[in-house]
Amino acid sequence: MSIEERAQATAKNIEGKLQEAAGEITGDPKDKAEGQAKQAEAQAQHAKEDVKDELKKSID
């Protein structure tokens, strides 16, 4: 488990939420889509870290 990688994923998720909200407010579909993509990327990073944690638990 890498706390640094989880923190980066959390930061990317927050950034994505803010960008999506900005796109919603301004009516810019590109910003909204990019924000949603960042959130999906962050979720994938968290899932990857969860798998790594489970593998480490099974090895120990």
N, C-alpha and C. Protein backbone atom coordinates (compact mmCIF):
# COMPACT_ATOMS: atom_id res chain seq x y z
N MET A 1 0.85 -1.18 0.00
CA MET A 1 0.00 0.00 0.00
C MET A 1 0.88 1.23 0.00
N SER A 2 0.58 2.08 -0.91
CA SER A 2 1.32 3.32 -0.97
C SER A 2 0.40 4.47 -0.59
N ILE A 3 0.68 5.05 0.53
CA ILE A 3 -0.13 6.18 0.98
C ILE A 3 -0.01 7.33 0.00
N GLU A 4 1.19 7.49 -0.56
CA GLU A 4 1.41 8.58 -1.52
C GLU A 4 0.53 8.40 -2.75
N GLU A 5 0.44 7.18 -3.27
CA GLU A 5 -0.39 6.92 -4.45
C GLU A 5 -1.87 7.12 -4.15
N ARG A 6 -2.28 6.72 -2.95
CA ARG A 6 -3.69 6.93 -2.57
C ARG A 6 -3.98 8.43 -2.44
N ALA A 7 -3.03 9.18 -1.88
CA ALA A 7 -3.21 10.63 -1.74
C ALA A 7 -3.30 11.29 -3.11
N GLN A 8 -2.48 10.84 -4.05
CA GLN A 8 -2.53 11.39 -5.41
C GLN A 8 -3.87 11.08 -6.06
N ALA A 9 -4.36 9.88 -5.86
CA ALA A 9 -5.66 9.50 -6.43
C ALA A 9 -6.78 10.33 -5.81
N THR A 10 -6.70 10.56 -4.53
CA THR A 10 -7.72 11.38 -3.85
C THR A 10 -7.67 12.81 -4.37
N ALA A 11 -6.47 13.33 -4.55
CA ALA A 11 -6.33 14.69 -5.08
C ALA A 11 -6.89 14.77 -6.50
N LYS A 12 -6.63 13.75 -7.31
CA LYS A 12 -7.14 13.74 -8.68
C LYS A 12 -8.67 13.66 -8.67
N ASN A 13 -9.23 12.91 -7.74
CA ASN A 13 -10.68 12.80 -7.62
C ASN A 13 -11.28 14.16 -7.27
N ILE A 14 -10.68 14.86 -6.33
CA ILE A 14 -11.17 16.18 -5.94
C ILE A 14 -11.05 17.15 -7.11
N GLU A 15 -9.91 17.10 -7.78
CA GLU A 15 -9.71 17.96 -8.95
C GLU A 15 -10.78 17.68 -10.00
N GLY A 16 -11.08 16.42 -10.23
CA GLY A 16 -12.10 16.04 -11.19
C GLY A 16 -13.48 16.54 -10.80
N LYS A 17 -13.80 16.44 -9.51
CA LYS A 17 -15.10 16.93 -9.04
C LYS A 17 -15.22 18.43 -9.24
N LEU A 18 -14.14 19.16 -8.95
CA LEU A 18 -14.16 20.61 -9.13
C LEU A 18 -14.29 20.98 -10.61
N GLN A 19 -13.55 20.27 -11.45
CA GLN A 19 -13.62 20.55 -12.88
C GLN A 19 -15.01 20.22 -13.44
N GLU A 20 -15.57 19.12 -12.98
CA GLU A 20 -16.92 18.76 -13.43
C GLU A 20 -17.93 19.83 -12.99
N ALA A 21 -17.81 20.29 -11.76
CA ALA A 21 -18.71 21.32 -11.26
C ALA A 21 -18.54 22.62 -12.04
N ALA A 22 -17.30 22.98 -12.35
CA ALA A 22 -17.04 24.19 -13.13
C ALA A 22 -17.67 24.07 -14.51
N GLY A 23 -17.54 22.91 -15.11
CA GLY A 23 -18.14 22.67 -16.41
C GLY A 23 -19.65 22.75 -16.36
N GLU A 24 -20.22 22.28 -15.27
CA GLU A 24 -21.67 22.34 -15.09
C GLU A 24 -22.13 23.79 -14.96
N ILE A 25 -21.38 24.57 -14.18
CA ILE A 25 -21.75 25.97 -13.96
C ILE A 25 -21.60 26.80 -15.23
N THR A 26 -20.49 26.59 -15.94
CA THR A 26 -20.22 27.39 -17.14
C THR A 26 -20.93 26.84 -18.38
N GLY A 27 -21.43 25.63 -18.28
CA GLY A 27 -22.08 25.01 -19.43
C GLY A 27 -21.10 24.45 -20.44
N ASP A 28 -19.87 24.19 -19.99
CA ASP A 28 -18.83 23.67 -20.87
C ASP A 28 -18.80 22.14 -20.77
N PRO A 29 -19.31 21.44 -21.78
CA PRO A 29 -19.36 19.98 -21.71
C PRO A 29 -17.97 19.34 -21.72
N LYS A 30 -16.98 20.01 -22.32
CA LYS A 30 -15.62 19.47 -22.35
C LYS A 30 -15.04 19.41 -20.93
N ASP A 31 -15.18 20.51 -20.18
CA ASP A 31 -14.70 20.52 -18.80
C ASP A 31 -15.41 19.48 -17.96
N LYS A 32 -16.70 19.37 -18.15
CA LYS A 32 -17.48 18.39 -17.38
C LYS A 32 -17.00 16.97 -17.67
N ALA A 33 -16.79 16.66 -18.95
CA ALA A 33 -16.32 15.33 -19.34
C ALA A 33 -14.91 15.04 -18.83
N GLU A 34 -14.04 16.04 -18.90
CA GLU A 34 -12.67 15.86 -18.40
C GLU A 34 -12.68 15.63 -16.89
N GLY A 35 -13.55 16.33 -16.19
CA GLY A 35 -13.67 16.14 -14.74
C GLY A 35 -14.14 14.73 -14.40
N GLN A 36 -15.10 14.25 -15.17
CA GLN A 36 -15.60 12.89 -14.94
C GLN A 36 -14.52 11.86 -15.25
N ALA A 37 -13.72 12.13 -16.27
CA ALA A 37 -12.64 11.21 -16.63
C ALA A 37 -11.59 11.16 -15.52
N LYS A 38 -11.28 12.30 -14.93
CA LYS A 38 -10.31 12.32 -13.82
C LYS A 38 -10.83 11.53 -12.63
N GLN A 39 -12.12 11.64 -12.38
CA GLN A 39 -12.71 10.90 -11.27
C GLN A 39 -12.64 9.39 -11.53
N ALA A 40 -12.89 8.99 -12.76
CA ALA A 40 -12.81 7.56 -13.11
C ALA A 40 -11.38 7.06 -12.97
N GLU A 41 -10.43 7.89 -13.38
CA GLU A 41 -9.01 7.51 -13.25
C GLU A 41 -8.64 7.35 -11.78
N ALA A 42 -9.14 8.24 -10.94
CA ALA A 42 -8.86 8.15 -9.50
C ALA A 42 -9.47 6.88 -8.91
N GLN A 43 -10.67 6.53 -9.34
CA GLN A 43 -11.31 5.31 -8.85
C GLN A 43 -10.51 4.08 -9.25
N ALA A 44 -9.98 4.10 -10.46
CA ALA A 44 -9.16 2.98 -10.93
C ALA A 44 -7.89 2.86 -10.10
N GLN A 45 -7.29 3.99 -9.76
CA GLN A 45 -6.08 3.99 -8.95
C GLN A 45 -6.37 3.42 -7.56
N HIS A 46 -7.50 3.82 -6.97
CA HIS A 46 -7.88 3.28 -5.66
C HIS A 46 -8.11 1.76 -5.75
N ALA A 47 -8.75 1.31 -6.81
CA ALA A 47 -8.99 -0.11 -6.99
C ALA A 47 -7.67 -0.87 -7.11
N LYS A 48 -6.74 -0.31 -7.83
CA LYS A 48 -5.42 -0.93 -7.98
C LYS A 48 -4.73 -1.06 -6.62
N GLU A 49 -4.81 -0.01 -5.83
CA GLU A 49 -4.21 -0.04 -4.50
C GLU A 49 -4.90 -1.06 -3.60
N ASP A 50 -6.22 -1.20 -3.74
CA ASP A 50 -6.96 -2.21 -2.96
C ASP A 50 -6.49 -3.62 -3.30
N VAL A 51 -6.28 -3.88 -4.59
CA VAL A 51 -5.79 -5.19 -5.03
C VAL A 51 -4.40 -5.44 -4.46
N LYS A 52 -3.54 -4.43 -4.52
CA LYS A 52 -2.19 -4.59 -3.97
C LYS A 52 -2.24 -4.88 -2.47
N ASP A 53 -3.15 -4.21 -1.76
CA ASP A 53 -3.30 -4.44 -0.32
C ASP A 53 -3.75 -5.87 -0.04
N GLU A 54 -4.72 -6.34 -0.81
CA GLU A 54 -5.22 -7.71 -0.62
C GLU A 54 -4.14 -8.75 -0.92
N LEU A 55 -3.37 -8.52 -1.96
CA LEU A 55 -2.27 -9.44 -2.28
C LEU A 55 -1.25 -9.48 -1.16
N LYS A 56 -0.94 -8.31 -0.63
CA LYS A 56 0.03 -8.25 0.47
C LYS A 56 -0.50 -8.99 1.70
N LYS A 57 -1.80 -8.82 2.00
CA LYS A 57 -2.41 -9.53 3.13
C LYS A 57 -2.33 -11.04 2.94
N SER A 58 -2.60 -11.50 1.72
CA SER A 58 -2.59 -12.95 1.47
C SER A 58 -1.19 -13.53 1.54
N ILE A 59 -0.20 -12.74 1.21
CA ILE A 59 1.20 -13.20 1.28
C ILE A 59 1.66 -13.27 2.73
N ASP A 60 1.22 -12.30 3.54
CA ASP A 60 1.66 -12.25 4.95
C ASP A 60 1.03 -13.30 5.77
